[in-house]
Amino acid sequence: MAYYRCVGDVPPKRHTQHRDADGGLYAEELMGEEGFSSASSLLYHRGVPSAISAARPWPQENDATAPNEPLLPRHFRLHQLSNEWESRDAVTGRLLVLGNSDVRIRYAVAGAVSPYYRNAIGDECVYVESGQALVETVFGRLDAGPGDYVVIPRGTTHRWVPGARAPLRLYAIEAASHISPPRRYLSRNGQHLEHAPYCERDLHGPTEPLLVDGEDVEVFVKHRGGRGIAGTVYTQVTHPFDVVGWDGCMYPYTFNIDDFEPITGRIHQPPPVHQVFEATNFVVCNFVPRKVDYHPLAVPVPYYHSNVDSDEVMFYCGGDYEARKGSGIGVGSVSLHPGGFTHGPQPGAVERSLGVESFDELAVMVDTFRPLEIGAGAAGCEDSEYAWSWAR
């Protein structure tokens, strides 16, 4: 992301001496993408960010997936995954719903403070379905609430602190790459263009450093391993949140779904108009309350379509999704419509939609360009009758 920010105490020139009031030298850290060739930020630590005193494995035993065989459309009721939420946290309590080598989609219902954590595999885009949280990061604090996307760059140490409005429900999209606004929304220098459905004013990053003292702090790190995803717990000698200032174009931020301005037209608009983020081999879209098609013969609900290049995942998080009435889908549902299957509105939905002027619906969609497999979290809440719902 090419939107520059400067927070806290930084020297006038990069890679020069920066000292505290007693003459001590701060440790400069570069966090950057693509080997010094893309977006980056410089952080200034009171301690040495590389100093660790211990390390141990963090097993990822719940990360296995199973192929979608036989190839079926599927429906998962995520609100059934709420047991013992008071003791679960937003990191170790995540349950794998769907995944492939490009993206993992997980769900967490949390009431406990998470460990300090960083994802060394890729960026995370976490949608807050309900509840409140303080997201403490090495860059500073973020307040997160219902409808917020929390975008956290790869390698950012952070933790989730649930607020009083419990439980905290999170839909976590974990990439194996970077997540950014779609390139077609940006100028060649990275500014959001006039046709983009949101702009820099809608992005909220940390506004001041988060200075915490401490020693021997455990940080849970998710990283690549010989057999896929692995984990390690480091004991850092000094607290990771010892940054007095930073500047650059790589940092965590929030974006609320209510600030997305929907694009509409006389006839039905295709899903790319709803796109909010992109990554390698997948995109994220959101469907928000909006006026719908105004041609006199318009059909407002989607037409039947075949995903010949992608799997489509919809998370229904508010309102009443018109095209799915009669299927059993409701708030908290996830549908998977895989490549090779033709899907569209439920029987009767087309006729019911004629003449409708607006839709009150809220959903987050992930379209992947490699097949998705099914995780243990999804297997525990599947509606086994969904595949036959068009034939009823």
Protein backbone atom coordinates (compact mmCIF):
# COMPACT_ATOMS: atom_id res chain seq x y z
CA MET A 1 0.00 0.00 0.00
CA ALA A 2 1.59 3.29 -1.09
CA TYR A 3 -0.14 5.63 1.41
CA TYR A 4 2.65 7.16 3.52
CA ARG A 5 2.30 7.64 7.27
CA CYS A 6 4.67 8.89 9.96
CA VAL A 7 3.95 8.11 13.63
CA GLY A 8 5.98 8.99 16.72
CA ASP A 9 9.67 9.88 16.88
CA VAL A 10 11.77 9.32 13.76
CA PRO A 11 15.03 10.95 12.64
CA PRO A 12 15.04 13.50 9.82
CA LYS A 13 17.04 11.15 7.56
CA ARG A 14 16.68 7.39 7.29
CA HIS A 15 19.55 5.05 8.23
CA THR A 16 21.17 7.70 10.43
CA GLN A 17 21.79 7.78 14.19
CA HIS A 18 18.65 8.16 16.28
CA ARG A 19 19.22 8.43 20.03
CA ASP A 20 17.12 8.72 23.18
CA ALA A 21 17.42 11.50 25.78
CA ASP A 22 20.24 9.66 27.54
CA GLY A 23 22.25 9.19 24.36
CA GLY A 24 21.29 5.54 23.77
CA LEU A 25 20.99 4.46 20.16
CA TYR A 26 17.64 3.17 18.94
CA ALA A 27 17.65 0.02 16.79
CA GLU A 28 16.34 0.69 13.27
CA GLU A 29 14.31 -2.12 11.67
CA LEU A 30 13.17 -2.23 8.04
CA MET A 31 9.96 -4.16 7.37
CA GLY A 32 9.68 -4.44 3.61
CA GLU A 33 8.17 -6.43 0.79
CA GLU A 34 9.84 -8.16 -2.14
CA GLY A 35 13.44 -7.93 -0.95
CA PHE A 36 13.82 -4.14 -0.58
CA SER A 37 11.98 -3.57 -3.89
CA SER A 38 8.44 -2.67 -2.76
CA ALA A 39 6.50 -1.05 0.08
CA SER A 40 8.28 -0.80 3.43
CA SER A 41 8.37 0.93 6.80
CA LEU A 42 11.21 1.81 9.17
CA LEU A 43 10.66 1.19 12.89
CA TYR A 44 12.84 2.46 15.75
CA HIS A 45 13.12 0.10 18.75
CA ARG A 46 14.39 0.77 22.25
CA GLY A 47 15.66 -2.82 22.38
CA VAL A 48 17.09 -5.27 19.85
CA PRO A 49 14.22 -6.85 17.87
CA SER A 50 16.34 -9.92 17.00
CA ALA A 51 17.21 -10.82 20.61
CA ILE A 52 15.59 -14.12 21.62
CA SER A 53 16.42 -16.36 24.57
CA ALA A 54 14.39 -19.49 23.72
CA ALA A 55 12.33 -21.17 20.99
CA ARG A 56 9.93 -24.10 20.88
CA PRO A 57 7.57 -25.61 18.29
CA TRP A 58 3.97 -24.40 17.97
CA PRO A 59 2.19 -27.44 16.47
CA GLN A 60 -0.33 -26.77 13.68
CA GLU A 61 -2.15 -30.05 14.07
CA ASN A 62 -5.57 -28.64 13.08
CA ASP A 63 -4.44 -27.35 9.68
CA ALA A 64 -5.26 -30.42 7.59
CA THR A 65 -7.80 -30.19 4.76
CA ALA A 66 -9.77 -32.71 2.71
CA PRO A 67 -10.66 -32.40 -1.01
CA ASN A 68 -14.18 -31.34 -1.98
CA GLU A 69 -15.07 -34.81 -3.27
CA PRO A 70 -17.55 -35.51 -4.61
CA LEU A 71 -17.57 -32.00 -6.06
CA LEU A 72 -20.52 -30.31 -4.36
CA PRO A 73 -21.78 -26.86 -3.43
CA ARG A 74 -21.63 -26.69 0.34
CA HIS A 75 -23.14 -24.72 3.22
CA PHE A 76 -21.52 -24.28 6.64
CA ARG A 77 -23.25 -22.73 9.67
CA LEU A 78 -20.37 -21.02 11.48
CA HIS A 79 -22.48 -19.91 14.45
CA GLN A 80 -22.52 -23.53 15.53
CA LEU A 81 -18.79 -23.17 16.28
CA SER A 82 -19.25 -21.15 19.48
CA ASN A 83 -18.48 -23.65 22.24
CA GLU A 84 -16.27 -22.49 25.12
CA TRP A 85 -15.69 -19.09 23.53
CA GLU A 86 -14.96 -17.46 26.90
CA SER A 87 -11.63 -19.32 27.09
CA ARG A 88 -10.76 -19.13 23.40
CA ASP A 89 -8.66 -16.38 21.83
CA ALA A 90 -8.59 -14.85 18.36
CA VAL A 91 -5.32 -16.53 17.32
CA THR A 92 -5.02 -20.03 18.78
CA GLY A 93 -8.82 -20.39 18.79
CA ARG A 94 -9.21 -20.08 15.02
CA LEU A 95 -10.87 -23.00 13.27
CA LEU A 96 -9.96 -23.77 9.67
CA VAL A 97 -12.99 -23.61 7.38
CA LEU A 98 -11.54 -23.72 3.85
CA GLY A 99 -8.07 -23.50 2.39
CA ASN A 100 -5.57 -24.05 -0.39
CA SER A 101 -1.95 -23.06 -0.99
CA ASP A 102 -2.91 -19.41 -1.56
CA VAL A 103 -5.36 -18.69 1.26
CA ARG A 104 -6.72 -20.10 4.51
CA ILE A 105 -10.18 -19.00 5.72
CA ARG A 106 -10.67 -19.43 9.46
CA TYR A 107 -13.34 -18.53 12.01
CA ALA A 108 -12.86 -17.59 15.64
CA VAL A 109 -15.29 -16.91 18.47
CA ALA A 110 -13.20 -15.42 21.24
CA GLY A 111 -13.44 -13.99 24.72
CA ALA A 112 -9.84 -14.25 25.92
CA VAL A 113 -6.78 -12.12 25.14
CA SER A 114 -4.65 -13.72 22.42
CA PRO A 115 -0.92 -14.37 22.67
CA TYR A 116 1.46 -12.06 20.86
CA TYR A 117 1.47 -13.31 17.29
CA ARG A 118 2.80 -12.71 13.82
CA ASN A 119 2.11 -14.42 10.52
CA ALA A 120 5.31 -14.88 8.53
CA ILE A 121 3.51 -16.58 5.62
CA GLY A 122 1.39 -13.70 4.32
CA ASP A 123 -0.91 -10.79 5.10
CA GLU A 124 -4.12 -11.27 7.05
CA CYS A 125 -7.48 -9.63 6.37
CA VAL A 126 -9.72 -10.23 9.39
CA TYR A 127 -13.39 -9.25 9.18
CA VAL A 128 -15.07 -8.44 12.49
CA GLU A 129 -18.54 -9.94 12.34
CA SER A 130 -19.50 -8.82 15.86
CA GLY A 131 -17.93 -7.68 19.11
CA GLN A 132 -15.24 -5.13 19.86
CA ALA A 133 -11.47 -5.51 20.10
CA LEU A 134 -8.30 -3.59 20.65
CA VAL A 135 -5.66 -4.80 18.22
CA GLU A 136 -2.27 -4.01 19.73
CA THR A 137 0.56 -4.01 17.17
CA VAL A 138 4.21 -3.14 16.91
CA PHE A 139 3.03 -0.06 14.95
CA GLY A 140 0.48 1.05 17.57
CA ARG A 141 -3.14 0.40 18.51
CA LEU A 142 -6.16 -0.18 16.27
CA ASP A 143 -9.76 -0.13 17.47
CA ALA A 144 -11.87 -2.75 15.71
CA GLY A 145 -15.61 -3.25 15.77
CA PRO A 146 -18.47 -4.73 13.71
CA GLY A 147 -17.93 -4.39 9.98
CA ASP A 148 -14.23 -3.61 10.20
CA TYR A 149 -11.70 -5.28 7.99
CA VAL A 150 -8.41 -5.39 9.91
CA VAL A 151 -5.57 -5.71 7.39
CA ILE A 152 -2.32 -6.85 9.01
CA PRO A 153 0.87 -7.07 6.91
CA ARG A 154 3.03 -10.17 6.95
CA GLY A 155 5.46 -10.21 9.88
CA THR A 156 3.55 -7.71 12.05
CA THR A 157 3.65 -8.70 15.72
CA HIS A 158 0.25 -8.09 17.31
CA ARG A 159 -2.38 -9.41 19.69
CA TRP A 160 -6.17 -9.27 19.97
CA VAL A 161 -7.77 -7.93 23.18
CA PRO A 162 -11.57 -8.50 23.13
CA GLY A 163 -13.76 -5.71 24.45
CA ALA A 164 -16.78 -5.84 26.70
CA ARG A 165 -19.15 -6.73 23.86
CA ALA A 166 -18.41 -10.44 23.86
CA PRO A 167 -18.11 -12.73 22.11
CA LEU A 168 -15.74 -11.46 19.44
CA ARG A 169 -16.55 -13.15 16.12
CA LEU A 170 -13.82 -12.99 13.47
CA TYR A 171 -13.70 -14.21 9.87
CA ALA A 172 -9.97 -14.45 9.18
CA ILE A 173 -8.64 -14.51 5.60
CA GLU A 174 -4.99 -15.57 5.78
CA ALA A 175 -3.06 -15.07 2.54
CA ALA A 176 0.19 -16.62 1.36
CA SER A 177 0.94 -13.27 -0.29
CA HIS A 178 0.25 -9.58 0.24
CA ILE A 179 -3.27 -8.11 0.32
CA SER A 180 -3.88 -4.69 -1.22
CA PRO A 181 -6.54 -2.54 -2.85
CA PRO A 182 -7.23 -3.65 -6.45
CA ARG A 183 -4.72 -2.19 -8.88
CA ARG A 184 -7.47 -0.78 -11.08
CA TYR A 185 -8.50 1.49 -8.19
CA LEU A 186 -5.02 3.04 -7.96
CA SER A 187 -2.99 5.54 -9.96
CA ARG A 188 0.47 4.51 -11.15
CA ASN A 189 1.81 6.15 -7.99
CA GLY A 190 -0.62 4.37 -5.68
CA GLN A 191 -3.32 7.00 -5.05
CA HIS A 192 -6.94 5.85 -4.99
CA LEU A 193 -8.65 7.03 -8.16
CA GLU A 194 -11.99 8.79 -8.48
CA HIS A 195 -13.81 5.65 -9.65
CA ALA A 196 -12.65 3.62 -6.63
CA PRO A 197 -15.47 2.76 -4.18
CA TYR A 198 -13.34 3.90 -1.22
CA CYS A 199 -10.29 6.10 -0.66
CA GLU A 200 -7.49 6.90 1.77
CA ARG A 201 -9.83 8.80 4.12
CA ASP A 202 -11.55 5.49 4.85
CA LEU A 203 -8.34 3.72 5.96
CA HIS A 204 -7.47 4.05 9.64
CA GLY A 205 -3.95 3.22 10.79
CA PRO A 206 -2.23 3.63 14.17
CA THR A 207 -1.89 7.24 15.30
CA GLU A 208 0.71 6.95 18.08
CA PRO A 209 3.33 4.46 19.27
CA LEU A 210 2.39 1.71 21.70
CA LEU A 211 5.27 1.64 24.19
CA VAL A 212 5.26 -1.37 26.51
CA ASP A 213 8.06 -2.44 28.86
CA GLY A 214 8.72 -6.10 29.52
CA GLU A 215 11.18 -8.95 29.35
CA ASP A 216 11.00 -12.57 28.19
CA VAL A 217 7.85 -12.11 26.11
CA GLU A 218 6.53 -15.08 24.12
CA VAL A 219 5.60 -14.45 20.48
CA PHE A 220 3.76 -17.10 18.46
CA VAL A 221 4.96 -17.16 14.84
CA LYS A 222 3.21 -18.95 11.97
CA HIS A 223 5.63 -19.73 9.13
CA ARG A 224 6.38 -22.04 6.25
CA GLY A 225 7.63 -25.51 7.11
CA GLY A 226 8.86 -28.61 5.32
CA ARG A 227 5.31 -30.06 5.24
CA GLY A 228 3.33 -26.87 4.78
CA ILE A 229 2.41 -24.52 7.63
CA ALA A 230 4.51 -24.67 10.81
CA GLY A 231 4.73 -22.67 14.01
CA THR A 232 7.40 -21.53 16.47
CA VAL A 233 7.13 -19.73 19.81
CA TYR A 234 10.02 -17.34 20.47
CA THR A 235 10.89 -15.84 23.81
CA GLN A 236 11.97 -12.28 23.05
CA VAL A 237 14.40 -10.67 25.48
CA THR A 238 12.58 -7.31 25.37
CA HIS A 239 8.97 -6.50 24.65
CA PRO A 240 8.18 -6.31 20.90
CA PHE A 241 6.06 -3.18 21.47
CA ASP A 242 9.07 -0.96 22.20
CA VAL A 243 8.85 1.13 19.01
CA VAL A 244 9.20 4.89 19.62
CA GLY A 245 8.30 5.81 16.05
CA TRP A 246 8.00 4.60 12.48
CA ASP A 247 7.29 5.82 8.98
CA GLY A 248 6.55 4.30 5.60
CA CYS A 249 3.87 2.66 3.51
CA MET A 250 3.55 -0.76 5.17
CA TYR A 251 1.44 -0.93 8.34
CA PRO A 252 -1.82 -2.39 9.67
CA TYR A 253 -5.08 -0.53 9.17
CA THR A 254 -8.84 -0.88 9.43
CA PHE A 255 -11.49 -0.27 6.81
CA ASN A 256 -15.16 -0.45 7.67
CA ILE A 257 -17.54 -2.10 5.23
CA ASP A 258 -20.03 0.78 5.72
CA ASP A 259 -17.51 3.08 3.99
CA PHE A 260 -17.64 1.04 0.77
CA GLU A 261 -19.68 2.95 -1.83
CA PRO A 262 -21.52 0.41 -4.01
CA ILE A 263 -21.46 0.72 -7.80
CA THR A 264 -24.86 0.13 -9.39
CA GLY A 265 -26.35 0.31 -12.88
CA ARG A 266 -29.48 -0.09 -15.00
CA ILE A 267 -28.91 -3.85 -15.25
CA HIS A 268 -27.20 -6.37 -12.97
CA GLN A 269 -23.57 -5.54 -12.23
CA PRO A 270 -21.03 -8.41 -12.12
CA PRO A 271 -19.16 -9.29 -8.90
CA PRO A 272 -15.93 -7.37 -9.74
CA VAL A 273 -17.74 -4.09 -8.98
CA HIS A 274 -17.94 -5.29 -5.37
CA GLN A 275 -14.21 -5.96 -5.06
CA VAL A 276 -12.44 -4.49 -2.05
CA PHE A 277 -9.03 -6.26 -1.94
CA GLU A 278 -6.82 -8.45 -4.10
CA ALA A 279 -4.00 -10.90 -3.44
CA THR A 280 -2.15 -13.60 -5.35
CA ASN A 281 -4.73 -16.02 -6.78
CA PHE A 282 -7.73 -14.68 -4.85
CA VAL A 283 -9.84 -11.56 -4.42
CA VAL A 284 -12.10 -10.24 -1.66
CA CYS A 285 -15.45 -8.59 -2.44
CA ASN A 286 -18.23 -7.26 -0.24
CA PHE A 287 -21.95 -6.98 -0.94
CA VAL A 288 -23.51 -4.09 0.94
CA PRO A 289 -27.00 -2.55 1.19
CA ARG A 290 -27.64 -0.72 -2.07
CA LYS A 291 -30.13 0.39 -4.70
CA VAL A 292 -30.42 -2.19 -7.45
CA ASP A 293 -30.98 -2.24 -11.19
CA TYR A 294 -33.36 0.35 -12.60
CA HIS A 295 -33.94 -0.82 -16.18
CA PRO A 296 -37.72 -1.41 -16.51
CA LEU A 297 -37.13 -5.09 -17.34
CA ALA A 298 -34.17 -5.62 -15.01
CA VAL A 299 -33.69 -8.84 -13.03
CA PRO A 300 -32.00 -7.69 -9.80
CA VAL A 301 -30.75 -11.05 -8.50
CA PRO A 302 -27.70 -12.71 -10.11
CA TYR A 303 -28.09 -14.87 -13.18
CA TYR A 304 -26.96 -18.49 -13.08
CA HIS A 305 -23.23 -18.72 -13.64
CA SER A 306 -20.46 -21.28 -13.89
CA ASN A 307 -17.22 -20.60 -12.07
CA VAL A 308 -14.91 -22.06 -14.67
CA ASP A 309 -11.79 -20.48 -13.14
CA SER A 310 -12.60 -20.07 -9.46
CA ASP A 311 -14.22 -21.28 -6.28
CA GLU A 312 -16.67 -18.78 -4.74
CA VAL A 313 -17.02 -18.45 -0.98
CA MET A 314 -19.72 -16.23 0.53
CA PHE A 315 -19.90 -15.32 4.21
CA TYR A 316 -23.37 -13.95 5.02
CA CYS A 317 -22.96 -11.50 7.88
CA GLY A 318 -26.06 -9.28 7.83
CA GLY A 319 -29.37 -8.42 6.20
CA ASP A 320 -31.37 -10.76 4.01
CA TYR A 321 -29.64 -12.14 0.93
CA GLU A 322 -32.38 -12.19 -1.70
CA ALA A 323 -30.97 -14.83 -4.06
CA ARG A 324 -30.55 -17.43 -1.33
CA LYS A 325 -34.06 -17.45 0.18
CA GLY A 326 -35.28 -20.99 0.61
CA SER A 327 -31.80 -22.53 0.76
CA GLY A 328 -31.36 -22.53 4.54
CA ILE A 329 -28.66 -19.87 4.40
CA GLY A 330 -28.79 -17.12 7.01
CA VAL A 331 -26.54 -14.82 9.02
CA GLY A 332 -23.39 -16.72 10.01
CA SER A 333 -23.54 -19.03 6.97
CA VAL A 334 -20.74 -19.72 4.52
CA SER A 335 -21.50 -21.11 1.07
CA LEU A 336 -18.93 -22.74 -1.20
CA HIS A 337 -19.73 -22.88 -4.91
CA PRO A 338 -16.81 -24.65 -6.57
CA GLY A 339 -15.45 -24.36 -10.07
CA GLY A 340 -17.26 -26.88 -12.26
CA PHE A 341 -20.67 -26.30 -10.66
CA THR A 342 -23.33 -23.97 -12.10
CA HIS A 343 -25.06 -21.98 -9.38
CA GLY A 344 -27.39 -19.02 -9.01
CA PRO A 345 -30.62 -17.93 -7.34
CA GLN A 346 -32.86 -20.37 -5.55
CA PRO A 347 -36.15 -21.36 -7.25
CA GLY A 348 -38.63 -18.49 -7.04
CA ALA A 349 -35.99 -15.85 -6.20
CA VAL A 350 -35.99 -14.34 -9.70
CA GLU A 351 -39.75 -13.70 -9.75
CA ARG A 352 -39.69 -12.33 -6.19
CA SER A 353 -36.94 -9.86 -7.08
CA LEU A 354 -38.72 -8.23 -10.04
CA GLY A 355 -39.52 -4.61 -9.28
CA VAL A 356 -37.44 -4.53 -6.09
CA GLU A 357 -35.60 -1.21 -5.74
CA SER A 358 -33.00 -2.03 -3.07
CA PHE A 359 -31.33 -4.93 -1.28
CA ASP A 360 -30.55 -5.01 2.42
CA GLU A 361 -27.75 -7.54 2.50
CA LEU A 362 -24.23 -7.80 3.86
CA ALA A 363 -21.76 -10.46 2.76
CA VAL A 364 -18.02 -10.98 2.33
CA MET A 365 -16.95 -12.98 -0.73
CA VAL A 366 -13.63 -14.66 -1.44
CA ASP A 367 -13.04 -15.90 -4.98
CA THR A 368 -10.03 -18.20 -5.32
CA PHE A 369 -8.31 -19.34 -8.50
CA ARG A 370 -7.22 -22.71 -7.16
CA PRO A 371 -9.65 -25.29 -5.73
CA LEU A 372 -10.45 -25.01 -2.04
CA GLU A 373 -10.34 -27.91 0.35
CA ILE A 374 -12.42 -28.38 3.49
CA GLY A 375 -11.04 -27.87 6.99
CA ALA A 376 -12.06 -29.41 10.28
CA GLY A 377 -14.06 -26.33 11.31
CA ALA A 378 -16.29 -26.60 8.24
CA ALA A 379 -16.74 -30.34 8.63
CA GLY A 380 -18.19 -29.75 12.08
CA CYS A 381 -20.99 -27.42 10.96
CA GLU A 382 -22.01 -28.53 7.46
CA ASP A 383 -25.60 -28.50 6.23
CA SER A 384 -25.61 -31.78 4.33
CA GLU A 385 -28.85 -30.95 2.45
CA TYR A 386 -27.68 -27.74 0.77
CA ALA A 387 -26.47 -29.33 -2.49
CA TRP A 388 -30.02 -30.46 -3.31
CA SER A 389 -31.75 -27.14 -2.47
CA TRP A 390 -32.21 -26.07 -6.12
CA ALA A 391 -34.19 -29.25 -6.81
CA ARG A 392 -36.76 -28.76 -4.06
